[in-house]
Each structure stands twice: as C-alpha cells, then as structure tokens.
N, C-alpha and C. Protein backbone atom coordinates (compact mmCIF):
# COMPACT_ATOMS: atom_id res chain seq x y z
N MET A 1 25.28 28.93 86.52
CA MET A 1 25.06 27.61 85.89
C MET A 1 25.62 27.18 84.65
N ARG A 2 26.39 26.15 84.83
CA ARG A 2 26.97 25.71 83.79
C ARG A 2 26.36 25.65 82.55
N THR A 3 25.17 24.71 82.53
CA THR A 3 24.53 24.55 81.21
C THR A 3 23.89 25.74 80.62
N GLY A 4 23.47 26.89 81.42
CA GLY A 4 23.08 28.00 80.86
C GLY A 4 24.18 28.75 80.26
N ARG A 5 25.33 28.64 80.56
CA ARG A 5 26.69 29.30 79.97
C ARG A 5 26.69 28.28 78.39
N THR A 6 26.69 27.03 78.68
CA THR A 6 26.91 26.46 77.35
C THR A 6 26.11 26.50 76.46
N SER A 7 24.52 26.56 76.80
CA SER A 7 23.63 26.84 76.04
C SER A 7 23.56 28.15 75.10
N SER A 8 24.38 29.36 76.05
CA SER A 8 24.32 30.60 75.10
C SER A 8 25.59 30.56 74.47
N LEU A 9 26.52 29.85 74.91
CA LEU A 9 27.66 29.67 73.73
C LEU A 9 27.33 28.99 72.59
N LEU A 10 26.28 28.05 72.61
CA LEU A 10 25.82 27.49 71.37
C LEU A 10 24.97 28.63 70.70
N GLU A 11 24.21 29.17 70.99
CA GLU A 11 23.26 30.13 70.62
C GLU A 11 23.87 31.24 69.78
N THR A 12 25.15 31.46 70.37
CA THR A 12 26.01 32.45 69.49
C THR A 12 26.42 32.04 68.17
N LYS A 13 26.27 30.54 67.91
CA LYS A 13 26.55 29.98 66.81
C LYS A 13 25.38 30.02 65.60
N ILE A 14 24.21 30.13 66.31
CA ILE A 14 23.10 29.87 65.35
C ILE A 14 22.49 31.34 65.17
N LYS A 15 22.47 31.64 63.84
CA LYS A 15 22.55 32.57 63.23
C LYS A 15 21.08 32.88 61.99
N ASN A 16 20.39 33.81 62.18
CA ASN A 16 19.39 34.08 61.08
C ASN A 16 20.08 34.38 59.69
N GLN A 17 19.59 34.22 58.55
CA GLN A 17 20.39 34.27 57.40
C GLN A 17 20.93 35.54 57.23
N GLN A 18 20.14 36.78 57.47
CA GLN A 18 20.49 38.19 57.30
C GLN A 18 21.63 38.46 58.48
N ALA A 19 21.54 38.48 59.48
CA ALA A 19 22.56 38.37 60.54
C ALA A 19 24.00 37.72 59.92
N LEU A 20 23.90 36.43 59.49
CA LEU A 20 25.06 35.78 58.85
C LEU A 20 25.71 36.36 57.79
N LYS A 21 25.00 36.99 57.19
CA LYS A 21 25.01 37.51 55.88
C LYS A 21 26.20 38.83 56.33
N GLN A 22 25.94 39.76 57.13
CA GLN A 22 26.63 40.69 57.80
C GLN A 22 28.11 40.07 58.22
N ILE A 23 27.87 38.94 59.18
CA ILE A 23 29.01 38.38 59.60
C ILE A 23 29.97 37.79 58.46
N ILE A 24 29.65 37.06 57.45
CA ILE A 24 30.32 36.95 56.52
C ILE A 24 31.15 37.84 55.74
N SER A 25 30.39 38.94 55.47
CA SER A 25 30.79 40.08 54.83
C SER A 25 32.26 40.66 55.91
N ARG A 26 31.87 40.56 57.05
CA ARG A 26 33.04 41.10 57.79
C ARG A 26 34.40 40.22 57.92
N LEU A 27 33.84 38.97 57.86
CA LEU A 27 35.03 37.76 57.66
C LEU A 27 35.71 37.77 56.56
N LYS A 28 34.94 37.92 55.60
CA LYS A 28 35.64 37.92 54.09
C LYS A 28 36.48 39.39 54.01
N SER A 29 36.22 40.18 54.55
CA SER A 29 36.96 41.50 54.57
C SER A 29 38.36 41.50 55.21
N ARG A 30 38.44 40.54 56.03
CA ARG A 30 39.48 40.08 56.79
C ARG A 30 40.26 38.90 56.17
N GLY A 31 40.07 38.46 54.98
CA GLY A 31 40.70 37.47 54.12
C GLY A 31 40.02 36.17 54.55
N LYS A 32 39.09 35.84 55.32
CA LYS A 32 38.87 34.48 55.61
C LYS A 32 38.23 33.94 54.50
N ARG A 33 38.23 32.59 54.44
CA ARG A 33 37.77 31.69 53.54
C ARG A 33 36.35 31.01 53.90
N ILE A 34 35.36 31.25 53.72
CA ILE A 34 34.07 30.81 53.87
C ILE A 34 33.66 29.48 53.24
N VAL A 35 33.40 28.41 53.87
CA VAL A 35 33.07 27.20 53.39
C VAL A 35 31.48 26.87 53.87
N PHE A 36 30.65 26.38 52.92
CA PHE A 36 29.29 26.31 52.99
C PHE A 36 29.19 25.01 53.01
N THR A 37 28.02 24.55 53.50
CA THR A 37 27.61 22.98 53.19
C THR A 37 26.19 23.00 53.97
N ASN A 38 25.29 22.03 53.62
CA ASN A 38 23.87 21.96 53.85
C ASN A 38 23.43 20.56 54.18
N GLY A 39 22.38 20.28 55.00
CA GLY A 39 21.87 18.94 55.05
C GLY A 39 20.82 19.17 56.01
N CYS A 40 20.08 17.99 56.10
CA CYS A 40 18.98 17.93 57.23
C CYS A 40 19.66 17.17 58.71
N PHE A 41 20.76 16.57 58.75
CA PHE A 41 21.58 16.33 59.96
C PHE A 41 20.46 15.91 61.41
N ASP A 42 19.22 15.11 60.59
CA ASP A 42 18.52 14.32 61.44
C ASP A 42 19.19 13.21 62.08
N LEU A 43 19.41 12.90 63.30
CA LEU A 43 19.87 11.80 64.10
C LEU A 43 21.45 11.83 63.72
N LEU A 44 22.08 12.59 64.28
CA LEU A 44 23.44 12.80 64.04
C LEU A 44 24.35 11.40 63.99
N HIS A 45 25.11 11.14 63.24
CA HIS A 45 26.18 9.99 63.27
C HIS A 45 27.33 10.09 63.25
N TYR A 46 28.35 9.46 63.01
CA TYR A 46 29.90 9.82 62.45
C TYR A 46 30.18 9.94 61.51
N GLY A 47 29.12 9.64 60.37
CA GLY A 47 29.38 9.96 59.24
C GLY A 47 29.15 11.54 59.06
N HIS A 48 28.34 12.05 59.62
CA HIS A 48 28.10 13.63 59.58
C HIS A 48 28.99 14.43 60.28
N ILE A 49 29.77 13.81 61.42
CA ILE A 49 30.65 14.20 62.06
C ILE A 49 32.30 14.26 61.17
N LYS A 50 32.45 13.40 60.48
CA LYS A 50 33.45 13.33 59.74
C LYS A 50 33.23 14.43 58.48
N TYR A 51 32.44 14.22 57.97
CA TYR A 51 32.03 15.15 56.89
C TYR A 51 32.18 16.69 57.44
N LEU A 52 31.76 16.88 58.31
CA LEU A 52 31.76 18.35 58.70
C LEU A 52 33.25 18.65 58.90
N GLN A 53 34.17 17.75 60.01
CA GLN A 53 35.49 18.14 60.03
C GLN A 53 36.60 18.13 58.55
N ASP A 54 36.04 17.30 57.61
CA ASP A 54 36.50 17.63 56.51
C ASP A 54 36.22 18.66 55.98
N ALA A 55 34.96 19.17 56.11
CA ALA A 55 34.60 20.38 55.24
C ALA A 55 35.28 21.59 55.96
N LYS A 56 35.44 21.41 57.26
CA LYS A 56 35.99 22.62 57.93
C LYS A 56 37.69 22.72 57.33
N LYS A 57 37.98 21.87 57.14
CA LYS A 57 39.75 22.00 56.54
C LYS A 57 39.66 22.38 55.43
N LYS A 58 38.72 22.85 54.47
CA LYS A 58 38.81 23.18 53.34
C LYS A 58 38.93 24.69 53.22
N GLY A 59 38.58 25.27 54.20
CA GLY A 59 38.74 26.72 54.58
C GLY A 59 38.67 27.29 56.22
N ASP A 60 38.61 28.54 56.26
CA ASP A 60 38.85 29.07 57.58
C ASP A 60 37.28 28.89 58.49
N ILE A 61 36.26 29.26 57.71
CA ILE A 61 34.83 29.33 58.52
C ILE A 61 33.66 28.35 57.99
N LEU A 62 33.51 27.45 58.74
CA LEU A 62 32.52 26.57 58.14
C LEU A 62 30.97 27.00 58.68
N ILE A 63 30.17 27.19 57.45
CA ILE A 63 28.49 27.65 57.91
C ILE A 63 27.66 26.43 57.44
N VAL A 64 26.90 25.79 58.32
CA VAL A 64 25.90 24.59 58.18
C VAL A 64 24.82 25.14 57.86
N ALA A 65 24.20 25.20 56.87
CA ALA A 65 22.70 25.22 56.79
C ALA A 65 21.65 24.04 56.99
N ILE A 66 20.82 24.21 57.84
CA ILE A 66 20.16 22.96 58.12
C ILE A 66 18.65 23.22 57.59
N ASN A 67 18.27 21.88 56.90
CA ASN A 67 16.84 22.15 56.55
C ASN A 67 15.84 22.47 57.65
N SER A 68 14.79 23.21 57.37
CA SER A 68 13.83 23.39 58.37
C SER A 68 13.10 22.12 58.69
N ASP A 69 12.09 21.99 59.59
CA ASP A 69 11.31 20.71 59.64
C ASP A 69 10.30 20.58 58.48
N SER A 70 9.86 21.40 58.31
CA SER A 70 8.81 21.59 57.04
C SER A 70 9.50 21.32 55.99
N SER A 71 10.71 21.58 55.51
CA SER A 71 11.42 21.11 54.24
C SER A 71 12.10 19.88 54.33
N ILE A 72 12.42 19.38 55.55
CA ILE A 72 12.59 17.73 55.58
C ILE A 72 11.26 16.76 55.38
N LYS A 73 10.30 17.47 55.87
CA LYS A 73 8.94 16.98 55.57
C LYS A 73 8.51 16.61 54.08
N LYS A 74 8.86 17.78 53.23
CA LYS A 74 8.59 17.44 51.83
C LYS A 74 9.71 16.88 51.00
N ILE A 75 10.92 16.67 51.59
CA ILE A 75 12.11 15.79 50.94
C ILE A 75 11.99 14.22 51.30
N LYS A 76 11.99 14.12 52.77
CA LYS A 76 12.03 12.64 53.44
C LYS A 76 10.71 11.95 53.69
N GLY A 77 9.50 12.93 53.71
CA GLY A 77 8.13 12.30 54.08
C GLY A 77 7.83 12.68 55.29
N LYS A 78 6.40 12.40 55.66
CA LYS A 78 5.77 12.99 56.76
C LYS A 78 6.18 12.60 58.08
N LYS A 79 7.06 11.42 58.18
CA LYS A 79 7.67 10.87 59.30
C LYS A 79 8.72 11.40 59.94
N ARG A 80 9.22 12.22 58.99
CA ARG A 80 10.56 12.97 59.31
C ARG A 80 10.45 14.54 59.56
N PRO A 81 11.19 15.31 60.34
CA PRO A 81 12.52 14.56 60.98
C PRO A 81 12.33 14.16 62.02
N LEU A 82 13.04 13.25 62.81
CA LEU A 82 13.00 12.82 63.90
C LEU A 82 13.35 13.61 65.04
N ILE A 83 14.01 14.54 64.69
CA ILE A 83 14.89 15.62 65.66
C ILE A 83 14.25 17.23 65.47
N LYS A 84 13.46 17.98 65.95
CA LYS A 84 13.03 19.18 65.38
C LYS A 84 14.39 19.94 65.26
N GLN A 85 14.05 21.00 64.43
CA GLN A 85 15.25 21.99 64.01
C GLN A 85 15.77 22.62 65.03
N GLY A 86 15.11 22.82 66.03
CA GLY A 86 16.04 23.65 67.15
C GLY A 86 16.88 22.86 67.86
N ASP A 87 16.52 21.83 68.05
CA ASP A 87 17.51 20.63 68.60
C ASP A 87 18.73 20.42 67.70
N ARG A 88 18.23 20.10 66.20
CA ARG A 88 19.27 19.64 65.36
C ARG A 88 20.43 21.12 65.19
N SER A 89 19.72 22.05 65.30
CA SER A 89 20.82 23.16 64.76
C SER A 89 21.61 23.69 66.36
N ARG A 90 21.11 23.13 67.47
CA ARG A 90 21.94 23.25 68.88
C ARG A 90 23.04 21.98 68.71
N ILE A 91 22.54 20.98 68.31
CA ILE A 91 23.53 19.75 68.02
C ILE A 91 24.81 20.11 67.29
N ILE A 92 24.34 20.61 65.97
CA ILE A 92 25.32 21.01 65.09
C ILE A 92 26.21 21.94 65.39
N ALA A 93 25.43 22.92 66.11
CA ALA A 93 26.40 24.42 66.73
C ALA A 93 27.43 23.74 67.71
N GLY A 94 27.24 22.53 68.55
CA GLY A 94 28.11 22.07 69.55
C GLY A 94 29.36 21.39 68.91
N LEU A 95 29.20 21.35 67.69
CA LEU A 95 30.68 20.54 67.13
C LEU A 95 31.70 21.62 67.13
N SER A 96 32.86 21.37 67.28
CA SER A 96 34.08 22.28 67.11
C SER A 96 34.33 22.71 65.98
N SER A 97 34.18 21.81 64.90
CA SER A 97 34.30 22.35 63.46
C SER A 97 33.31 23.07 62.99
N VAL A 98 32.19 23.45 63.54
CA VAL A 98 31.36 24.31 63.00
C VAL A 98 31.30 25.55 63.63
N ASP A 99 31.31 26.71 62.79
CA ASP A 99 31.58 28.05 62.87
C ASP A 99 29.98 28.71 63.42
N PHE A 100 28.97 28.35 62.38
CA PHE A 100 27.90 29.04 62.17
C PHE A 100 26.86 28.13 61.73
N VAL A 101 25.57 28.37 62.26
CA VAL A 101 24.49 27.36 61.81
C VAL A 101 23.27 28.07 61.46
N THR A 102 22.59 27.79 60.35
CA THR A 102 21.33 28.59 60.08
C THR A 102 20.35 27.59 59.62
N ILE A 103 19.39 28.05 59.38
CA ILE A 103 17.99 27.00 59.05
C ILE A 103 17.47 27.85 57.80
N PHE A 104 17.42 26.93 56.66
CA PHE A 104 16.47 27.15 55.56
C PHE A 104 15.20 26.37 55.34
N ASN A 105 14.14 27.37 55.01
CA ASN A 105 13.01 26.54 54.70
C ASN A 105 12.60 26.30 53.46
N GLN A 106 13.51 26.42 52.38
CA GLN A 106 13.00 25.98 50.96
C GLN A 106 13.64 24.22 50.67
N PRO A 107 13.11 23.45 49.68
CA PRO A 107 13.69 22.24 49.53
C PRO A 107 15.02 22.18 49.27
N THR A 108 15.62 23.21 48.60
CA THR A 108 17.01 23.19 48.18
C THR A 108 17.90 24.62 49.14
N PRO A 109 19.01 24.62 48.96
CA PRO A 109 19.47 25.94 49.71
C PRO A 109 20.01 27.10 48.65
N ASP A 110 19.35 26.91 47.53
CA ASP A 110 19.99 27.71 46.32
C ASP A 110 19.75 29.33 47.07
N LYS A 111 18.45 29.45 47.47
CA LYS A 111 18.26 31.11 47.93
C LYS A 111 19.58 31.46 48.94
N ILE A 112 19.74 30.57 49.93
CA ILE A 112 20.69 31.06 50.94
C ILE A 112 22.27 31.05 50.30
N ILE A 113 22.36 30.22 49.38
CA ILE A 113 23.63 30.21 48.71
C ILE A 113 23.90 31.75 48.10
N ARG A 114 22.80 31.90 47.48
CA ARG A 114 23.05 33.09 46.65
C ARG A 114 22.98 34.28 47.77
N LEU A 115 22.24 34.29 48.88
CA LEU A 115 22.21 35.38 49.85
C LEU A 115 23.95 35.26 50.46
N LEU A 116 24.33 34.28 50.58
CA LEU A 116 25.92 34.19 51.73
C LEU A 116 27.00 34.33 50.58
N ARG A 117 26.78 33.88 49.40
CA ARG A 117 28.01 33.66 48.45
C ARG A 117 29.40 33.35 49.07
N PRO A 118 29.20 31.72 49.40
CA PRO A 118 30.18 31.44 49.82
C PRO A 118 31.63 31.27 49.12
N ASP A 119 32.73 31.21 49.56
CA ASP A 119 34.08 30.87 48.62
C ASP A 119 33.92 29.39 48.24
N ILE A 120 33.68 28.48 49.40
CA ILE A 120 33.50 26.99 48.96
C ILE A 120 32.42 26.53 48.83
N LEU A 121 31.83 25.71 48.33
CA LEU A 121 30.54 25.08 48.41
C LEU A 121 30.96 23.47 48.46
N ILE A 122 30.25 22.86 49.33
CA ILE A 122 30.87 21.36 49.51
C ILE A 122 29.52 20.45 49.88
N LYS A 123 29.66 19.51 49.25
CA LYS A 123 28.63 18.42 49.38
C LYS A 123 29.17 17.14 49.32
N GLY A 124 28.61 16.14 49.81
CA GLY A 124 29.27 14.72 49.87
C GLY A 124 29.54 13.87 48.83
N SER A 125 30.15 13.06 48.52
CA SER A 125 30.61 12.39 47.26
C SER A 125 29.37 11.94 46.61
N ASP A 126 28.14 11.84 47.31
CA ASP A 126 27.04 11.28 46.76
C ASP A 126 26.25 12.02 45.50
N TRP A 127 26.76 13.50 45.50
CA TRP A 127 26.27 14.23 44.78
C TRP A 127 27.57 14.58 43.58
N LYS A 128 27.06 14.41 42.21
CA LYS A 128 27.94 14.79 41.06
C LYS A 128 28.01 16.39 41.24
N LYS A 129 29.17 16.58 40.82
CA LYS A 129 29.54 18.05 41.10
C LYS A 129 28.63 18.83 39.99
N ASP A 130 28.30 18.65 39.04
CA ASP A 130 27.54 19.34 37.88
C ASP A 130 25.91 19.73 38.69
N LYS A 131 25.69 18.43 39.55
CA LYS A 131 24.13 18.60 40.12
C LYS A 131 24.01 19.11 41.55
N ILE A 132 25.25 19.66 41.89
CA ILE A 132 25.28 20.31 43.21
C ILE A 132 24.24 21.69 43.00
N VAL A 133 23.45 21.65 43.87
CA VAL A 133 22.58 22.98 44.02
C VAL A 133 23.25 24.12 44.42
N GLY A 134 23.52 25.51 43.58
CA GLY A 134 24.11 26.36 43.78
C GLY A 134 25.59 26.51 43.22
N GLY A 135 25.94 25.18 42.83
CA GLY A 135 27.53 24.90 42.09
C GLY A 135 27.68 25.96 41.04
N GLU A 136 27.02 26.02 40.09
CA GLU A 136 26.90 26.88 38.89
C GLU A 136 27.17 28.30 39.44
N PHE A 137 26.34 28.60 40.08
CA PHE A 137 26.27 30.12 40.87
C PHE A 137 27.65 30.44 41.32
N VAL A 138 28.12 29.64 42.23
CA VAL A 138 29.46 29.67 43.40
C VAL A 138 30.64 29.71 42.03
N SER A 139 30.76 28.72 41.40
CA SER A 139 31.65 28.71 40.00
C SER A 139 31.67 29.96 39.56
N GLY A 140 30.33 30.45 39.07
CA GLY A 140 30.60 31.79 38.19
C GLY A 140 31.02 32.98 39.02
N TYR A 141 31.14 32.92 40.41
CA TYR A 141 31.97 34.14 40.61
C TYR A 141 33.26 33.89 41.32
N GLY A 142 33.89 32.87 40.86
CA GLY A 142 35.25 32.30 40.94
C GLY A 142 35.24 31.32 42.46
N GLY A 143 34.37 31.04 42.81
CA GLY A 143 34.24 30.19 44.02
C GLY A 143 34.34 28.82 43.60
N LYS A 144 34.80 27.91 44.94
CA LYS A 144 35.07 26.38 44.29
C LYS A 144 33.85 25.36 45.12
N VAL A 145 33.66 24.48 44.28
CA VAL A 145 32.72 23.41 44.56
C VAL A 145 33.38 22.18 44.81
N LEU A 146 33.26 21.69 45.97
CA LEU A 146 34.19 20.40 46.14
C LEU A 146 33.05 19.36 46.79
N ASN A 147 33.35 17.99 46.62
CA ASN A 147 33.22 16.76 47.01
C ASN A 147 33.85 16.36 48.15
N ILE A 148 32.84 15.90 49.36
CA ILE A 148 33.75 15.21 50.33
C ILE A 148 33.52 13.90 50.38
N ARG A 149 34.37 12.83 50.34
CA ARG A 149 34.22 11.40 50.47
C ARG A 149 33.37 11.15 51.67
N LEU A 150 32.11 10.50 51.35
CA LEU A 150 31.36 9.78 52.75
C LEU A 150 31.92 8.47 53.25
N ILE A 151 31.50 8.39 54.26
CA ILE A 151 31.99 6.99 55.19
C ILE A 151 30.84 5.85 54.62
N LYS A 152 31.21 4.86 53.88
CA LYS A 152 30.61 3.96 53.42
C LYS A 152 29.76 3.31 54.61
N GLY A 153 28.34 3.02 54.28
CA GLY A 153 27.41 2.48 55.31
C GLY A 153 26.59 3.50 56.28
N ARG A 154 27.18 4.92 56.54
CA ARG A 154 26.93 5.50 57.41
C ARG A 154 25.98 6.43 57.15
N SER A 155 24.62 6.28 57.29
CA SER A 155 23.60 7.08 56.95
C SER A 155 22.32 7.41 57.81
N THR A 156 21.70 8.47 58.08
CA THR A 156 20.32 8.24 58.73
C THR A 156 19.41 7.14 58.40
N THR A 157 18.98 6.90 57.27
CA THR A 157 18.28 5.98 56.82
C THR A 157 18.57 4.72 57.32
N ASN A 158 19.96 4.39 57.13
CA ASN A 158 20.43 3.08 57.39
C ASN A 158 20.18 2.92 59.12
N LEU A 159 20.69 4.04 59.78
CA LEU A 159 20.40 3.97 61.13
C LEU A 159 19.09 3.74 61.68
N ILE A 160 18.11 4.56 60.78
CA ILE A 160 16.73 4.43 61.26
C ILE A 160 16.35 3.11 61.15
N ASN A 161 16.80 2.44 59.71
CA ASN A 161 16.31 1.06 59.50
C ASN A 161 16.87 0.04 60.51
N LYS A 162 17.89 0.25 60.96
CA LYS A 162 18.58 -0.63 61.79
C LYS A 162 17.89 -0.74 63.19
N ILE A 163 17.52 0.47 63.70
CA ILE A 163 16.82 0.73 64.99
C ILE A 163 15.53 0.18 64.97
N ALA A 164 14.55 0.29 63.88
CA ALA A 164 13.44 -0.44 63.50
C ALA A 164 13.38 -1.62 63.77
N LYS A 165 14.32 -2.33 62.89
CA LYS A 165 14.71 -3.96 62.83
C LYS A 165 15.07 -4.52 64.38
N LEU A 166 15.64 -3.94 65.23
CA LEU A 166 15.95 -4.03 66.33
C LEU A 166 15.13 -3.98 67.25
N PHE A 167 14.08 -2.87 67.34
CA PHE A 167 13.25 -2.62 68.31
C PHE A 167 11.96 -2.72 67.91
C-alpha cells in the first residue's frame, strides 16, 4: 500500500536524540557539514518552507529539532500547539530539504545543541546572533552561527489571527 510506504519513509527521518547523535558522528566522519535549526513549526506555512530550504543550502545535512507539545505550551500558552508533535514531526520530515527531525522537551534547544554539536546553527533574522541559544557554545568549537532572512508577514501567529478573524 502506497501510504504505508510513504509513512515508513518519513519515519526513517524522525530520530530520538541519541540515535541522531550516532548518525551525525558517522556523517561528520565522512566530511558532511551538519546544519541545525529548531522551532515549534505549528501550522506550517510558506515562511517555514522557505526558511528550511535556505537553511539546507548552508550545509550538507539539515536537522530540525521540534519543540514538544509541553514545551510549546510553556512558551506559547495553553492553547498551543494546534498540531500535535507527532504530526508536526511527520510534516517536517516530509519536506525534501529536511534530512532528520527530532523532538526536544525543554523550553530551549541548548541541551540538544550540546549533544549534537552541529557545524552550523541557524535561526531566523528575528533573532540577534548574540541571543541565539547555543550560539556561544557552537562558536566556541569553531562552528558557525547564522541568521536567515524571514519572509515579512509570514508567521503562525499572523495566520492564526487571520483564521480567527475570518471564521
């Protein structure tokens, strides 16, 4: 059945943190540059897609760490996320620009950044470089910390507000 095959292909991209650490170690030994970014990715929109495509261009392997449902509630409030972490991880894994997806439960990705030690850490241009969580750590071992320009007016909050206003 086609859907079963597609589902299993998506699942191969979704890894727990320890498994991902081992995969990254092998990839780095082959000279691959590991790019890391993170976010909620609740209610995916074109701004997310473009951001992830641009992030992928900065290296060889793109890892996306997604905030868990409980983490998002702490950051965004009790009404979020709109989409559960399992579905969000599968949606992100379905993008061709994304190589691996993992979920983290803390309010910030500091712990997973320290575990995975990416070559390149990326956040959107709404973050000042000196405020990017894990940036100082990544720079400390010679990694790069980069910003990617975001598409103006594209955000999950704006989309939620528009839907609420219309319906």
